[in-house]
Amino acid sequence: MIRHIVMWKLKESAEGATRAENVVKFKALLEGCRNLVPGTLHLEVGVAGPGLASTFDLVLVSDFADQAALDGYQDHPEHLVVKQFAKLVVESRQCVDYVV
């Protein structure tokens, strides 16, 4: 199993929306990817909460059965839409994939 974790810090404003508005939209887009490909075992999206120590705004924690499932997710047309949105609103991104 491969765990795929990505964290994003969003721009203060982008695409005519505030950071908070774009976080809500980004979260919804990511959650729409939950069942895109066979082999997606888990997909969770978290938003940094007020008063909690956070250096990023949004996190994706997902598990895939194998590399082929992760590759299928990465290349899926609906996920590519999410990537395009991210390019417009994200200030910084961190990612780690590892075998569980």
PDB file of N, CA and C in Angstrom:
ATOM      1  N   MET A   1       0.849  -1.183   0.000  1.00  0.00           N
ATOM      2  CA  MET A   1       0.000   0.000   0.000  1.00  0.00           C
ATOM      3  C   MET A   1       0.890   1.240   0.000  1.00  0.00           C
ATOM      4  N   ILE A   2       0.474   2.251  -0.734  1.00  0.00           N
ATOM      5  CA  ILE A   2       1.214   3.518  -0.797  1.00  0.00           C
ATOM      6  C   ILE A   2       0.378   4.619  -0.164  1.00  0.00           C
ATOM      7  N   ARG A   3       0.969   5.312   0.782  1.00  0.00           N
ATOM      8  CA  ARG A   3       0.313   6.474   1.385  1.00  0.00           C
ATOM      9  C   ARG A   3       0.833   7.714   0.669  1.00  0.00           C
ATOM     10  N   HIS A   4      -0.096   8.560   0.267  1.00  0.00           N
ATOM     11  CA  HIS A   4       0.188   9.790  -0.490  1.00  0.00           C
ATOM     12  C   HIS A   4      -0.328  10.954   0.350  1.00  0.00           C
ATOM     13  N   ILE A   5       0.594  11.802   0.809  1.00  0.00           N
ATOM     14  CA  ILE A   5       0.222  12.940   1.644  1.00  0.00           C
ATOM     15  C   ILE A   5       0.697  14.219   0.953  1.00  0.00           C
ATOM     16  N   VAL A   6      -0.222  15.166   0.812  1.00  0.00           N
ATOM     17  CA  VAL A   6       0.108  16.450   0.190  1.00  0.00           C
ATOM     18  C   VAL A   6      -0.451  17.564   1.079  1.00  0.00           C
ATOM     19  N   MET A   7       0.348  18.611   1.266  1.00  0.00           N
ATOM     20  CA  MET A   7      -0.090  19.782   2.029  1.00  0.00           C
ATOM     21  C   MET A   7       0.059  21.021   1.158  1.00  0.00           C
ATOM     22  N   TRP A   8      -0.905  21.933   1.289  1.00  0.00           N
ATOM     23  CA  TRP A   8      -0.885  23.162   0.505  1.00  0.00           C
ATOM     24  C   TRP A   8      -1.065  24.383   1.398  1.00  0.00           C
ATOM     25  N   LYS A   9      -0.333  25.424   1.087  1.00  0.00           N
ATOM     26  CA  LYS A   9      -0.560  26.747   1.658  1.00  0.00           C
ATOM     27  C   LYS A   9      -1.075  27.597   0.506  1.00  0.00           C
ATOM     28  N   LEU A  10      -2.236  28.186   0.686  1.00  0.00           N
ATOM     29  CA  LEU A  10      -2.860  28.946  -0.387  1.00  0.00           C
ATOM     30  C   LEU A  10      -2.477  30.417  -0.329  1.00  0.00           C
ATOM     31  N   LYS A  11      -2.561  31.062  -1.480  1.00  0.00           N
ATOM     32  CA  LYS A  11      -2.334  32.498  -1.574  1.00  0.00           C
ATOM     33  C   LYS A  11      -3.419  33.229  -0.779  1.00  0.00           C
ATOM     34  N   GLU A  12      -3.087  34.409  -0.291  1.00  0.00           N
ATOM     35  CA  GLU A  12      -4.047  35.203   0.481  1.00  0.00           C
ATOM     36  C   GLU A  12      -5.331  35.445  -0.323  1.00  0.00           C
ATOM     37  N   SER A  13      -5.165  35.683  -1.617  1.00  0.00           N
ATOM     38  CA  SER A  13      -6.320  35.787  -2.516  1.00  0.00           C
ATOM     39  C   SER A  13      -5.879  35.349  -3.905  1.00  0.00           C
ATOM     40  N   ALA A  14      -6.813  34.760  -4.628  1.00  0.00           N
ATOM     41  CA  ALA A  14      -6.540  34.299  -5.998  1.00  0.00           C
ATOM     42  C   ALA A  14      -7.859  33.983  -6.678  1.00  0.00           C
ATOM     43  N   GLU A  15      -7.896  34.179  -7.969  1.00  0.00           N
ATOM     44  CA  GLU A  15      -9.078  33.864  -8.762  1.00  0.00           C
ATOM     45  C   GLU A  15     -10.328  34.587  -8.241  1.00  0.00           C
ATOM     46  N   GLY A  16     -10.134  35.802  -7.723  1.00  0.00           N
ATOM     47  CA  GLY A  16     -11.245  36.606  -7.246  1.00  0.00           C
ATOM     48  C   GLY A  16     -11.842  36.150  -5.931  1.00  0.00           C
ATOM     49  N   ALA A  17     -11.116  35.297  -5.209  1.00  0.00           N
ATOM     50  CA  ALA A  17     -11.632  34.761  -3.951  1.00  0.00           C
ATOM     51  C   ALA A  17     -10.572  34.878  -2.856  1.00  0.00           C
ATOM     52  N   THR A  18     -11.032  34.859  -1.626  1.00  0.00           N
ATOM     53  CA  THR A  18     -10.123  34.881  -0.481  1.00  0.00           C
ATOM     54  C   THR A  18      -9.512  33.499  -0.275  1.00  0.00           C
ATOM     55  N   ARG A  19      -8.479  33.457   0.558  1.00  0.00           N
ATOM     56  CA  ARG A  19      -7.877  32.174   0.920  1.00  0.00           C
ATOM     57  C   ARG A  19      -8.954  31.233   1.468  1.00  0.00           C
ATOM     58  N   ALA A  20      -9.763  31.720   2.401  1.00  0.00           N
ATOM     59  CA  ALA A  20     -10.780  30.871   3.029  1.00  0.00           C
ATOM     60  C   ALA A  20     -11.765  30.325   1.991  1.00  0.00           C
ATOM     61  N   GLU A  21     -12.176  31.152   1.053  1.00  0.00           N
ATOM     62  CA  GLU A  21     -13.100  30.695   0.009  1.00  0.00           C
ATOM     63  C   GLU A  21     -12.452  29.644  -0.887  1.00  0.00           C
ATOM     64  N   ASN A  22     -11.182  29.853  -1.227  1.00  0.00           N
ATOM     65  CA  ASN A  22     -10.486  28.885  -2.074  1.00  0.00           C
ATOM     66  C   ASN A  22     -10.205  27.580  -1.335  1.00  0.00           C
ATOM     67  N   VAL A  23      -9.992  27.638  -0.026  1.00  0.00           N
ATOM     68  CA  VAL A  23      -9.819  26.412   0.750  1.00  0.00           C
ATOM     69  C   VAL A  23     -11.080  25.559   0.653  1.00  0.00           C
ATOM     70  N   VAL A  24     -12.239  26.175   0.802  1.00  0.00           N
ATOM     71  CA  VAL A  24     -13.509  25.443   0.717  1.00  0.00           C
ATOM     72  C   VAL A  24     -13.665  24.807  -0.663  1.00  0.00           C
ATOM     73  N   LYS A  25     -13.378  25.557  -1.709  1.00  0.00           N
ATOM     74  CA  LYS A  25     -13.504  25.029  -3.074  1.00  0.00           C
ATOM     75  C   LYS A  25     -12.502  23.907  -3.326  1.00  0.00           C
ATOM     76  N   PHE A  26     -11.251  24.117  -2.888  1.00  0.00           N
ATOM     77  CA  PHE A  26     -10.198  23.122  -3.082  1.00  0.00           C
ATOM     78  C   PHE A  26     -10.561  21.819  -2.367  1.00  0.00           C
ATOM     79  N   LYS A  27     -11.050  21.932  -1.143  1.00  0.00           N
ATOM     80  CA  LYS A  27     -11.452  20.748  -0.371  1.00  0.00           C
ATOM     81  C   LYS A  27     -12.534  19.973  -1.119  1.00  0.00           C
ATOM     82  N   ALA A  28     -13.522  20.661  -1.629  1.00  0.00           N
ATOM     83  CA  ALA A  28     -14.605  20.000  -2.362  1.00  0.00           C
ATOM     84  C   ALA A  28     -14.078  19.301  -3.621  1.00  0.00           C
ATOM     85  N   LEU A  29     -13.175  19.963  -4.337  1.00  0.00           N
ATOM     86  CA  LEU A  29     -12.594  19.352  -5.538  1.00  0.00           C
ATOM     87  C   LEU A  29     -11.838  18.075  -5.184  1.00  0.00           C
ATOM     88  N   LEU A  30     -11.032  18.133  -4.124  1.00  0.00           N
ATOM     89  CA  LEU A  30     -10.267  16.957  -3.708  1.00  0.00           C
ATOM     90  C   LEU A  30     -11.186  15.824  -3.275  1.00  0.00           C
ATOM     91  N   GLU A  31     -12.210  16.146  -2.509  1.00  0.00           N
ATOM     92  CA  GLU A  31     -13.131  15.106  -2.047  1.00  0.00           C
ATOM     93  C   GLU A  31     -13.882  14.466  -3.211  1.00  0.00           C
ATOM     94  N   GLY A  32     -14.030  15.195  -4.294  1.00  0.00           N
ATOM     95  CA  GLY A  32     -14.645  14.642  -5.491  1.00  0.00           C
ATOM     96  C   GLY A  32     -13.791  13.591  -6.177  1.00  0.00           C
ATOM     97  N   CYS A  33     -12.543  13.474  -5.755  1.00  0.00           N
ATOM     98  CA  CYS A  33     -11.626  12.483  -6.332  1.00  0.00           C
ATOM     99  C   CYS A  33     -11.620  11.165  -5.569  1.00  0.00           C
ATOM    100  N   ARG A  34     -12.458  11.066  -4.562  1.00  0.00           N
ATOM    101  CA  ARG A  34     -12.433   9.923  -3.637  1.00  0.00           C
ATOM    102  C   ARG A  34     -12.563   8.571  -4.356  1.00  0.00           C
ATOM    103  N   ASN A  35     -13.384   8.463  -5.353  1.00  0.00           N
ATOM    104  CA  ASN A  35     -13.639   7.161  -5.991  1.00  0.00           C
ATOM    105  C   ASN A  35     -13.302   7.156  -7.479  1.00  0.00           C
ATOM    106  N   LEU A  36     -12.288   7.898  -7.850  1.00  0.00           N
ATOM    107  CA  LEU A  36     -11.947   8.013  -9.271  1.00  0.00           C
ATOM    108  C   LEU A  36     -11.393   6.725  -9.868  1.00  0.00           C
ATOM    109  N   VAL A  37     -10.553   6.044  -9.128  1.00  0.00           N
ATOM    110  CA  VAL A  37      -9.871   4.875  -9.701  1.00  0.00           C
ATOM    111  C   VAL A  37      -9.946   3.682  -8.755  1.00  0.00           C
ATOM    112  N   PRO A  38      -9.986   2.479  -9.335  1.00  0.00           N
ATOM    113  CA  PRO A  38      -9.889   1.286  -8.496  1.00  0.00           C
ATOM    114  C   PRO A  38      -8.554   1.297  -7.750  1.00  0.00           C
ATOM    115  N   GLY A  39      -8.560   0.825  -6.530  1.00  0.00           N
ATOM    116  CA  GLY A  39      -7.330   0.789  -5.746  1.00  0.00           C
ATOM    117  C   GLY A  39      -7.161   1.980  -4.832  1.00  0.00           C
ATOM    118  N   THR A  40      -8.109   2.919  -4.870  1.00  0.00           N
ATOM    119  CA  THR A  40      -8.108   4.009  -3.895  1.00  0.00           C
ATOM    120  C   THR A  40      -8.738   3.440  -2.629  1.00  0.00           C
ATOM    121  N   LEU A  41      -7.933   3.318  -1.586  1.00  0.00           N
ATOM    122  CA  LEU A  41      -8.404   2.691  -0.356  1.00  0.00           C
ATOM    123  C   LEU A  41      -8.935   3.698   0.652  1.00  0.00           C
ATOM    124  N   HIS A  42      -8.373   4.888   0.633  1.00  0.00           N
ATOM    125  CA  HIS A  42      -8.759   5.924   1.609  1.00  0.00           C
ATOM    126  C   HIS A  42      -8.373   7.280   1.031  1.00  0.00           C
ATOM    127  N   LEU A  43      -9.236   8.262   1.223  1.00  0.00           N
ATOM    128  CA  LEU A  43      -8.924   9.629   0.817  1.00  0.00           C
ATOM    129  C   LEU A  43      -9.597  10.565   1.816  1.00  0.00           C
ATOM    130  N   GLU A  44      -8.772  11.339   2.491  1.00  0.00           N
ATOM    131  CA  GLU A  44      -9.248  12.257   3.534  1.00  0.00           C
ATOM    132  C   GLU A  44      -8.635  13.630   3.292  1.00  0.00           C
ATOM    133  N   VAL A  45      -9.458  14.667   3.424  1.00  0.00           N
ATOM    134  CA  VAL A  45      -8.992  16.036   3.253  1.00  0.00           C
ATOM    135  C   VAL A  45      -9.222  16.778   4.563  1.00  0.00           C
ATOM    136  N   GLY A  46      -8.162  17.384   5.082  1.00  0.00           N
ATOM    137  CA  GLY A  46      -8.285  18.146   6.321  1.00  0.00           C
ATOM    138  C   GLY A  46      -7.968  19.610   6.088  1.00  0.00           C
ATOM    139  N   VAL A  47      -8.654  20.461   6.830  1.00  0.00           N
ATOM    140  CA  VAL A  47      -8.448  21.907   6.764  1.00  0.00           C
ATOM    141  C   VAL A  47      -7.919  22.366   8.112  1.00  0.00           C
ATOM    142  N   ALA A  48      -6.900  23.204   8.085  1.00  0.00           N
ATOM    143  CA  ALA A  48      -6.330  23.732   9.326  1.00  0.00           C
ATOM    144  C   ALA A  48      -7.423  24.466  10.106  1.00  0.00           C
ATOM    145  N   GLY A  49      -7.501  24.155  11.384  1.00  0.00           N
ATOM    146  CA  GLY A  49      -8.530  24.764  12.222  1.00  0.00           C
ATOM    147  C   GLY A  49      -8.038  25.994  12.946  1.00  0.00           C
ATOM    148  N   PRO A  50      -8.926  26.921  13.212  1.00  0.00           N
ATOM    149  CA  PRO A  50      -8.555  28.123  13.960  1.00  0.00           C
ATOM    150  C   PRO A  50      -8.031  27.740  15.341  1.00  0.00           C
ATOM    151  N   GLY A  51      -6.951  28.386  15.736  1.00  0.00           N
ATOM    152  CA  GLY A  51      -6.381  28.143  17.055  1.00  0.00           C
ATOM    153  C   GLY A  51      -5.477  26.928  17.134  1.00  0.00           C
ATOM    154  N   LEU A  52      -5.349  26.175  16.040  1.00  0.00           N
ATOM    155  CA  LEU A  52      -4.463  25.014  16.018  1.00  0.00           C
ATOM    156  C   LEU A  52      -3.166  25.378  15.305  1.00  0.00           C
ATOM    157  N   ALA A  53      -2.075  24.787  15.737  1.00  0.00           N
ATOM    158  CA  ALA A  53      -0.777  25.071  15.121  1.00  0.00           C
ATOM    159  C   ALA A  53      -0.730  24.461  13.726  1.00  0.00           C
ATOM    160  N   SER A  54      -0.658  25.305  12.716  1.00  0.00           N
ATOM    161  CA  SER A  54      -0.614  24.838  11.328  1.00  0.00           C
ATOM    162  C   SER A  54       0.210  25.799  10.492  1.00  0.00           C
ATOM    163  N   THR A  55       1.050  25.242   9.633  1.00  0.00           N
ATOM    164  CA  THR A  55       1.797  26.072   8.702  1.00  0.00           C
ATOM    165  C   THR A  55       1.253  25.930   7.281  1.00  0.00           C
ATOM    166  N   PHE A  56       0.306  25.005   7.091  1.00  0.00           N
ATOM    167  CA  PHE A  56      -0.339  24.811   5.805  1.00  0.00           C
ATOM    168  C   PHE A  56      -1.846  24.903   6.011  1.00  0.00           C
ATOM    169  N   ASP A  57      -2.574  25.163   4.942  1.00  0.00           N
ATOM    170  CA  ASP A  57      -4.016  25.364   5.023  1.00  0.00           C
ATOM    171  C   ASP A  57      -4.835  24.091   4.818  1.00  0.00           C
ATOM    172  N   LEU A  58      -4.306  23.182   4.041  1.00  0.00           N
ATOM    173  CA  LEU A  58      -5.074  22.027   3.594  1.00  0.00           C
ATOM    174  C   LEU A  58      -4.157  20.822   3.489  1.00  0.00           C
ATOM    175  N   VAL A  59      -4.659  19.632   3.837  1.00  0.00           N
ATOM    176  CA  VAL A  59      -3.863  18.413   3.716  1.00  0.00           C
ATOM    177  C   VAL A  59      -4.718  17.304   3.102  1.00  0.00           C
ATOM    178  N   LEU A  60      -4.085  16.518   2.258  1.00  0.00           N
ATOM    179  CA  LEU A  60      -4.692  15.325   1.682  1.00  0.00           C
ATOM    180  C   LEU A  60      -3.910  14.128   2.200  1.00  0.00           C
ATOM    181  N   VAL A  61      -4.621  13.171   2.782  1.00  0.00           N
ATOM    182  CA  VAL A  61      -4.018  11.906   3.198  1.00  0.00           C
ATOM    183  C   VAL A  61      -4.785  10.818   2.459  1.00  0.00           C
ATOM    184  N   SER A  62      -4.088  10.090   1.609  1.00  0.00           N
ATOM    185  CA  SER A  62      -4.755   9.066   0.816  1.00  0.00           C
ATOM    186  C   SER A  62      -3.901   7.814   0.740  1.00  0.00           C
ATOM    187  N   ASP A  63      -4.580   6.682   0.625  1.00  0.00           N
ATOM    188  CA  ASP A  63      -3.911   5.388   0.519  1.00  0.00           C
ATOM    189  C   ASP A  63      -4.341   4.706  -0.773  1.00  0.00           C
ATOM    190  N   PHE A  64      -3.368   4.137  -1.454  1.00  0.00           N
ATOM    191  CA  PHE A  64      -3.608   3.438  -2.711  1.00  0.00           C
ATOM    192  C   PHE A  64      -3.051   2.024  -2.616  1.00  0.00           C
ATOM    193  N   ALA A  65      -3.717   1.087  -3.248  1.00  0.00           N
ATOM    194  CA  ALA A  65      -3.316  -0.316  -3.173  1.00  0.00           C
ATOM    195  C   ALA A  65      -1.894  -0.531  -3.679  1.00  0.00           C
ATOM    196  N   ASP A  66      -1.524   0.219  -4.716  1.00  0.00           N
ATOM    197  CA  ASP A  66      -0.196   0.047  -5.309  1.00  0.00           C
ATOM    198  C   ASP A  66       0.147   1.268  -6.163  1.00  0.00           C
ATOM    199  N   GLN A  67       1.332   1.241  -6.754  1.00  0.00           N
ATOM    200  CA  GLN A  67       1.791   2.368  -7.565  1.00  0.00           C
ATOM    201  C   GLN A  67       0.897   2.588  -8.775  1.00  0.00           C
ATOM    202  N   ALA A  68       0.384   1.514  -9.349  1.00  0.00           N
ATOM    203  CA  ALA A  68      -0.494   1.648 -10.521  1.00  0.00           C
ATOM    204  C   ALA A  68      -1.763   2.425 -10.157  1.00  0.00           C
ATOM    205  N   ALA A  69      -2.309   2.169  -8.986  1.00  0.00           N
ATOM    206  CA  ALA A  69      -3.507   2.901  -8.551  1.00  0.00           C
ATOM    207  C   ALA A  69      -3.181   4.379  -8.340  1.00  0.00           C
ATOM    208  N   LEU A  70      -2.053   4.670  -7.705  1.00  0.00           N
ATOM    209  CA  LEU A  70      -1.643   6.065  -7.501  1.00  0.00           C
ATOM    210  C   LEU A  70      -1.413   6.753  -8.841  1.00  0.00           C
ATOM    211  N   ASP A  71      -0.760   6.072  -9.768  1.00  0.00           N
ATOM    212  CA  ASP A  71      -0.527   6.649 -11.098  1.00  0.00           C
ATOM    213  C   ASP A  71      -1.847   6.927 -11.815  1.00  0.00           C
ATOM    214  N   GLY A  72      -2.791   6.005 -11.694  1.00  0.00           N
ATOM    215  CA  GLY A  72      -4.098   6.201 -12.308  1.00  0.00           C
ATOM    216  C   GLY A  72      -4.819   7.408 -11.739  1.00  0.00           C
ATOM    217  N   TYR A  73      -4.695   7.596 -10.438  1.00  0.00           N
ATOM    218  CA  TYR A  73      -5.274   8.763  -9.766  1.00  0.00           C
ATOM    219  C   TYR A  73      -4.618  10.045 -10.271  1.00  0.00           C
ATOM    220  N   GLN A  74      -3.289  10.051 -10.316  1.00  0.00           N
ATOM    221  CA  GLN A  74      -2.551  11.251 -10.721  1.00  0.00           C
ATOM    222  C   GLN A  74      -2.906  11.690 -12.141  1.00  0.00           C
ATOM    223  N   ASP A  75      -3.162  10.723 -13.011  1.00  0.00           N
ATOM    224  CA  ASP A  75      -3.398  11.015 -14.424  1.00  0.00           C
ATOM    225  C   ASP A  75      -4.878  11.103 -14.798  1.00  0.00           C
ATOM    226  N   HIS A  76      -5.773  10.878 -13.842  1.00  0.00           N
ATOM    227  CA  HIS A  76      -7.205  10.889 -14.142  1.00  0.00           C
ATOM    228  C   HIS A  76      -7.645  12.306 -14.529  1.00  0.00           C
ATOM    229  N   PRO A  77      -8.475  12.456 -15.565  1.00  0.00           N
ATOM    230  CA  PRO A  77      -8.905  13.783 -16.017  1.00  0.00           C
ATOM    231  C   PRO A  77      -9.522  14.652 -14.909  1.00  0.00           C
ATOM    232  N   GLU A  78     -10.292  14.062 -14.003  1.00  0.00           N
ATOM    233  CA  GLU A  78     -10.896  14.861 -12.925  1.00  0.00           C
ATOM    234  C   GLU A  78      -9.840  15.347 -11.936  1.00  0.00           C
ATOM    235  N   HIS A  79      -8.800  14.546 -11.721  1.00  0.00           N
ATOM    236  CA  HIS A  79      -7.712  14.984 -10.845  1.00  0.00           C
ATOM    237  C   HIS A  79      -6.894  16.083 -11.522  1.00  0.00           C
ATOM    238  N   LEU A  80      -6.772  16.014 -12.828  1.00  0.00           N
ATOM    239  CA  LEU A  80      -6.047  17.052 -13.560  1.00  0.00           C
ATOM    240  C   LEU A  80      -6.738  18.411 -13.426  1.00  0.00           C
ATOM    241  N   VAL A  81      -8.070  18.418 -13.310  1.00  0.00           N
ATOM    242  CA  VAL A  81      -8.822  19.655 -13.062  1.00  0.00           C
ATOM    243  C   VAL A  81      -8.422  20.241 -11.708  1.00  0.00           C
ATOM    244  N   VAL A  82      -8.272  19.369 -10.715  1.00  0.00           N
ATOM    245  CA  VAL A  82      -7.852  19.814  -9.383  1.00  0.00           C
ATOM    246  C   VAL A  82      -6.449  20.412  -9.452  1.00  0.00           C
ATOM    247  N   LYS A  83      -5.562  19.767 -10.177  1.00  0.00           N
ATOM    248  CA  LYS A  83      -4.191  20.274 -10.325  1.00  0.00           C
ATOM    249  C   LYS A  83      -4.178  21.660 -10.975  1.00  0.00           C
ATOM    250  N   GLN A  84      -5.030  21.864 -11.969  1.00  0.00           N
ATOM    251  CA  GLN A  84      -5.104  23.175 -12.629  1.00  0.00           C
ATOM    252  C   GLN A  84      -5.558  24.250 -11.650  1.00  0.00           C
ATOM    253  N   PHE A  85      -6.565  23.939 -10.830  1.00  0.00           N
ATOM    254  CA  PHE A  85      -7.036  24.887  -9.822  1.00  0.00           C
ATOM    255  C   PHE A  85      -5.905  25.184  -8.841  1.00  0.00           C
ATOM    256  N   ALA A  86      -5.192  24.149  -8.431  1.00  0.00           N
ATOM    257  CA  ALA A  86      -4.092  24.324  -7.478  1.00  0.00           C
ATOM    258  C   ALA A  86      -3.039  25.287  -8.030  1.00  0.00           C
ATOM    259  N   LYS A  87      -2.707  25.162  -9.282  1.00  0.00           N
ATOM    260  CA  LYS A  87      -1.703  26.047  -9.884  1.00  0.00           C
ATOM    261  C   LYS A  87      -2.093  27.514  -9.746  1.00  0.00           C
ATOM    262  N   LEU A  88      -3.378  27.788  -9.719  1.00  0.00           N
ATOM    263  CA  LEU A  88      -3.855  29.162  -9.647  1.00  0.00           C
ATOM    264  C   LEU A  88      -3.897  29.724  -8.225  1.00  0.00           C
ATOM    265  N   VAL A  89      -4.112  28.871  -7.236  1.00  0.00           N
ATOM    266  CA  VAL A  89      -4.383  29.371  -5.883  1.00  0.00           C
ATOM    267  C   VAL A  89      -3.318  29.011  -4.848  1.00  0.00           C
ATOM    268  N   VAL A  90      -2.391  28.133  -5.181  1.00  0.00           N
ATOM    269  CA  VAL A  90      -1.425  27.637  -4.196  1.00  0.00           C
ATOM    270  C   VAL A  90      -0.154  28.474  -4.171  1.00  0.00           C
ATOM    271  N   GLU A  91       0.254  28.795  -2.953  1.00  0.00           N
ATOM    272  CA  GLU A  91       1.524  29.495  -2.722  1.00  0.00           C
ATOM    273  C   GLU A  91       2.668  28.497  -2.572  1.00  0.00           C
ATOM    274  N   SER A  92       2.433  27.414  -1.809  1.00  0.00           N
ATOM    275  CA  SER A  92       3.465  26.387  -1.644  1.00  0.00           C
ATOM    276  C   SER A  92       2.816  25.031  -1.405  1.00  0.00           C
ATOM    277  N   ARG A  93       3.593  23.986  -1.724  1.00  0.00           N
ATOM    278  CA  ARG A  93       3.093  22.610  -1.659  1.00  0.00           C
ATOM    279  C   ARG A  93       4.206  21.696  -1.162  1.00  0.00           C
ATOM    280  N   GLN A  94       3.825  20.723  -0.357  1.00  0.00           N
ATOM    281  CA  GLN A  94       4.746  19.687   0.085  1.00  0.00           C
ATOM    282  C   GLN A  94       4.058  18.336  -0.121  1.00  0.00           C
ATOM    283  N   CYS A  95       4.836  17.321  -0.482  1.00  0.00           N
ATOM    284  CA  CYS A  95       4.274  16.008  -0.747  1.00  0.00           C
ATOM    285  C   CYS A  95       5.230  14.927  -0.273  1.00  0.00           C
ATOM    286  N   VAL A  96       4.679  13.839   0.210  1.00  0.00           N
ATOM    287  CA  VAL A  96       5.473  12.653   0.513  1.00  0.00           C
ATOM    288  C   VAL A  96       4.629  11.423   0.187  1.00  0.00           C
ATOM    289  N   ASP A  97       5.248  10.467  -0.483  1.00  0.00           N
ATOM    290  CA  ASP A  97       4.648   9.160  -0.752  1.00  0.00           C
ATOM    291  C   ASP A  97       5.550   8.120  -0.092  1.00  0.00           C
ATOM    292  N   TYR A  98       4.928   7.130   0.565  1.00  0.00           N
ATOM    293  CA  TYR A  98       5.730   6.074   1.167  1.00  0.00           C
ATOM    294  C   TYR A  98       4.935   4.781   1.235  1.00  0.00           C
ATOM    295  N   VAL A  99       5.668   3.678   1.321  1.00  0.00           N
ATOM    296  CA  VAL A  99       5.049   2.358   1.400  1.00  0.00           C
ATOM    297  C   VAL A  99       4.684   2.084   2.844  1.00  0.00           C
ATOM    298  N   VAL A 100       3.457   1.642   3.037  1.00  0.00           N
ATOM    299  CA  VAL A 100       2.975   1.295   4.376  1.00  0.00           C
ATOM    300  C   VAL A 100       3.006  -0.207   4.526  1.00  0.00           C
TER     301      VAL A 100
END
